[in-house]
Amino acid sequence: MPETGQPMASGEFKPMHLKKQSGFTYLAILFAIAIAGVVLAETGINWSQAGQREKERELLFVGNQFRQAIALYYERTPGAAKSYPAKLEELLADGRYNPPQHYLRKLYRDPVTNLQKWGVIIAPEGGIMGVHSLSNAQPVKVAGFCYLDRSFEGAGKYSEWVFSYAPSAQIQRRQQ
């Protein structure tokens, strides 16, 4: 004979073995929701960090394009007195030559701030010798940079990643 429990309002009896398990399903669902929340939170963090790493790779590429363009502009200056571009737009079309020389195909946006505006480094003799991001965000990458970017190691913010060209540094590098 099956065990019977307390009578229900309808006059039927609810079996006791079902009464003992009534909270188990609720707890199982709560644990499943908690585990799903933790997994989704981890996925969100990883996804966000992957996006930031992609922006860093793009910043390194774009910054080095600016550095290379500034170096070409400087080294190809006609005559003995070398000069840096007065503005970034001169890297698009160097009017000192006929036809104009093109060191950059376009003025890149800063991938971290998503703005067309860059911080510029002014050379002691005038002109733009380098660029940097205007972002104060903390980078994910802090080590493992290529030789030209080794000064970025340990930088606390993207604005400390300065992409500049200094001819004396290039001469020293060639002598080593």
Protein backbone atom coordinates (compact mmCIF):
# COMPACT_ATOMS: atom_id res chain seq x y z
CA MET A 1 0.00 0.00 0.00
CA PRO A 2 1.51 3.39 -1.00
CA GLU A 3 2.37 5.85 1.71
CA THR A 4 -0.01 8.70 1.99
CA GLY A 5 0.65 12.12 3.37
CA GLN A 6 -1.57 14.99 4.38
CA PRO A 7 -4.92 15.40 2.66
CA MET A 8 -5.01 18.20 0.09
CA ALA A 9 -7.80 20.77 -0.18
CA SER A 10 -9.45 18.71 -2.92
CA GLY A 11 -9.62 15.76 -0.60
CA GLU A 12 -6.92 13.80 -2.46
CA PHE A 13 -3.80 12.60 -0.76
CA LYS A 14 -0.37 13.70 -1.95
CA PRO A 15 2.21 10.88 -1.87
CA MET A 16 4.96 11.48 0.74
CA HIS A 17 7.89 10.75 -1.59
CA LEU A 18 6.89 13.73 -3.78
CA LYS A 19 6.57 15.98 -0.74
CA LYS A 20 10.19 15.28 0.27
CA GLN A 21 11.54 16.30 -3.17
CA SER A 22 9.54 19.47 -3.67
CA GLY A 23 12.54 21.85 -3.04
CA PHE A 24 15.16 19.84 -4.93
CA THR A 25 14.14 21.02 -8.41
CA TYR A 26 14.08 24.64 -7.26
CA LEU A 27 17.63 24.38 -5.84
CA ALA A 28 18.88 22.64 -8.99
CA ILE A 29 17.51 25.45 -11.15
CA LEU A 30 19.09 28.09 -8.88
CA PHE A 31 22.49 26.38 -9.10
CA ALA A 32 22.18 26.07 -12.89
CA ILE A 33 21.37 29.79 -13.19
CA ALA A 34 24.31 30.69 -10.92
CA ILE A 35 26.73 28.56 -12.95
CA ALA A 36 25.40 30.01 -16.22
CA GLY A 37 25.90 33.53 -14.81
CA VAL A 38 29.53 32.82 -13.91
CA VAL A 39 30.21 31.31 -17.33
CA LEU A 40 28.59 34.29 -19.11
CA ALA A 41 30.55 36.75 -16.96
CA GLU A 42 33.84 35.03 -17.84
CA THR A 43 32.89 34.97 -21.51
CA GLY A 44 32.08 38.70 -21.41
CA ILE A 45 35.42 39.52 -19.79
CA ASN A 46 37.33 37.41 -22.32
CA TRP A 47 35.38 38.92 -25.22
CA SER A 48 36.06 42.45 -23.96
CA GLN A 49 39.75 41.72 -23.49
CA ALA A 50 39.96 40.18 -26.97
CA GLY A 51 38.49 43.39 -28.41
CA GLN A 52 41.01 45.49 -26.51
CA ARG A 53 43.89 43.30 -27.70
CA GLU A 54 42.68 43.71 -31.30
CA LYS A 55 42.65 47.51 -30.84
CA GLU A 56 46.19 47.30 -29.45
CA ARG A 57 47.40 45.34 -32.49
CA GLU A 58 45.79 47.92 -34.74
CA LEU A 59 47.34 50.79 -32.75
CA LEU A 60 50.78 49.20 -33.10
CA PHE A 61 50.27 48.82 -36.86
CA VAL A 62 48.93 52.35 -37.38
CA GLY A 63 51.52 53.94 -35.10
CA ASN A 64 54.32 52.22 -36.96
CA GLN A 65 52.84 53.39 -40.27
CA PHE A 66 53.05 56.98 -38.97
CA ARG A 67 56.61 56.41 -37.70
CA GLN A 68 57.69 55.02 -41.07
CA ALA A 69 55.99 57.86 -42.98
CA ILE A 70 57.64 60.50 -40.77
CA ALA A 71 61.02 58.81 -41.27
CA LEU A 72 60.59 58.79 -45.05
CA TYR A 73 59.49 62.44 -45.06
CA TYR A 74 62.52 63.40 -42.95
CA GLU A 75 65.09 61.32 -44.85
CA ARG A 76 63.84 62.42 -48.28
CA THR A 77 64.00 66.11 -47.47
CA PRO A 78 65.73 67.83 -50.41
CA GLY A 79 69.07 69.43 -49.54
CA ALA A 80 71.31 68.97 -46.52
CA ALA A 81 69.01 70.41 -43.84
CA LYS A 82 66.48 67.74 -42.91
CA SER A 83 63.00 68.64 -41.65
CA TYR A 84 59.94 67.01 -40.18
CA PRO A 85 56.42 67.58 -41.53
CA ALA A 86 54.69 70.65 -40.09
CA LYS A 87 51.36 68.81 -40.04
CA LEU A 88 50.28 65.21 -40.51
CA GLU A 89 48.51 66.01 -43.78
CA GLU A 90 51.93 66.56 -45.40
CA LEU A 91 52.48 62.80 -45.11
CA LEU A 92 49.62 62.29 -47.58
CA ALA A 93 51.13 64.48 -50.28
CA ASP A 94 54.62 65.92 -49.90
CA GLY A 95 54.46 69.10 -51.99
CA ARG A 96 58.25 69.54 -51.92
CA TYR A 97 58.36 67.23 -54.94
CA ASN A 98 56.74 67.36 -58.35
CA PRO A 99 54.78 65.10 -58.53
CA PRO A 100 54.07 64.97 -54.79
CA GLN A 101 55.34 61.97 -52.80
CA HIS A 102 52.85 59.96 -50.74
CA TYR A 103 54.10 58.45 -47.47
CA LEU A 104 50.66 57.51 -46.13
CA ARG A 105 47.58 56.50 -48.10
CA LYS A 106 45.28 58.09 -45.51
CA LEU A 107 45.33 59.66 -42.06
CA TYR A 108 44.40 56.76 -39.83
CA ARG A 109 41.98 57.01 -36.94
CA ASP A 110 43.25 56.19 -33.47
CA PRO A 111 41.82 52.67 -32.99
CA VAL A 112 41.65 53.04 -29.20
CA THR A 113 39.74 56.34 -29.06
CA ASN A 114 38.18 55.92 -32.53
CA LEU A 115 39.00 59.58 -33.22
CA GLN A 116 40.90 61.12 -36.12
CA LYS A 117 42.87 63.19 -33.61
CA TRP A 118 46.34 62.13 -32.42
CA GLY A 119 48.73 63.51 -29.87
CA VAL A 120 51.82 64.82 -31.66
CA ILE A 121 55.44 65.01 -30.57
CA ILE A 122 57.12 68.20 -31.74
CA ALA A 123 60.81 67.97 -32.67
CA PRO A 124 63.22 70.45 -31.04
CA GLU A 125 63.88 72.03 -34.46
CA GLY A 126 60.14 72.09 -35.26
CA GLY A 127 57.79 69.79 -37.08
CA ILE A 128 56.10 66.57 -36.05
CA MET A 129 58.53 63.79 -35.14
CA GLY A 130 55.97 61.38 -33.70
CA VAL A 131 52.41 60.58 -32.70
CA HIS A 132 50.67 58.91 -29.78
CA SER A 133 47.15 57.93 -28.80
CA LEU A 134 45.20 60.35 -26.63
CA SER A 135 43.72 57.46 -24.61
CA ASN A 136 44.50 57.20 -20.91
CA ALA A 137 43.19 53.62 -20.77
CA GLN A 138 45.49 50.96 -19.36
CA PRO A 139 46.93 48.62 -22.00
CA VAL A 140 46.61 44.84 -21.77
CA LYS A 141 49.97 44.30 -23.44
CA VAL A 142 52.86 45.39 -21.24
CA ALA A 143 55.74 43.25 -22.56
CA GLY A 144 56.92 41.38 -25.63
CA PHE A 145 57.14 44.36 -27.99
CA CYS A 146 59.32 44.44 -31.11
CA TYR A 147 62.64 46.27 -31.02
CA LEU A 148 61.28 49.61 -32.26
CA ASP A 149 58.49 49.54 -29.67
CA ARG A 150 60.52 48.28 -26.71
CA SER A 151 60.03 51.61 -24.89
CA PHE A 152 56.33 50.70 -24.49
CA GLU A 153 57.14 47.93 -22.00
CA GLY A 154 55.62 48.71 -18.63
CA ALA A 155 53.62 51.70 -19.96
CA GLY A 156 50.60 52.48 -17.79
CA LYS A 157 48.44 53.99 -20.53
CA TYR A 158 48.18 54.06 -24.31
CA SER A 159 49.20 57.72 -24.48
CA GLU A 160 52.67 56.58 -23.35
CA TRP A 161 53.04 54.52 -26.54
CA VAL A 162 54.91 57.14 -28.58
CA PHE A 163 55.64 56.33 -32.23
CA SER A 164 58.44 58.72 -33.14
CA TYR A 165 61.37 58.95 -35.49
CA ALA A 166 64.68 60.34 -34.30
CA PRO A 167 67.52 60.06 -36.83
CA SER A 168 70.24 59.93 -34.14
CA ALA A 169 68.53 56.91 -32.59
CA GLN A 170 68.47 55.24 -36.03
CA ILE A 171 72.20 55.87 -36.51
CA GLN A 172 73.01 54.40 -33.08
CA ARG A 173 70.83 51.38 -33.85
CA ARG A 174 72.70 50.72 -37.11
CA GLN A 175 76.09 50.91 -35.34
CA GLN A 176 75.14 48.27 -32.73
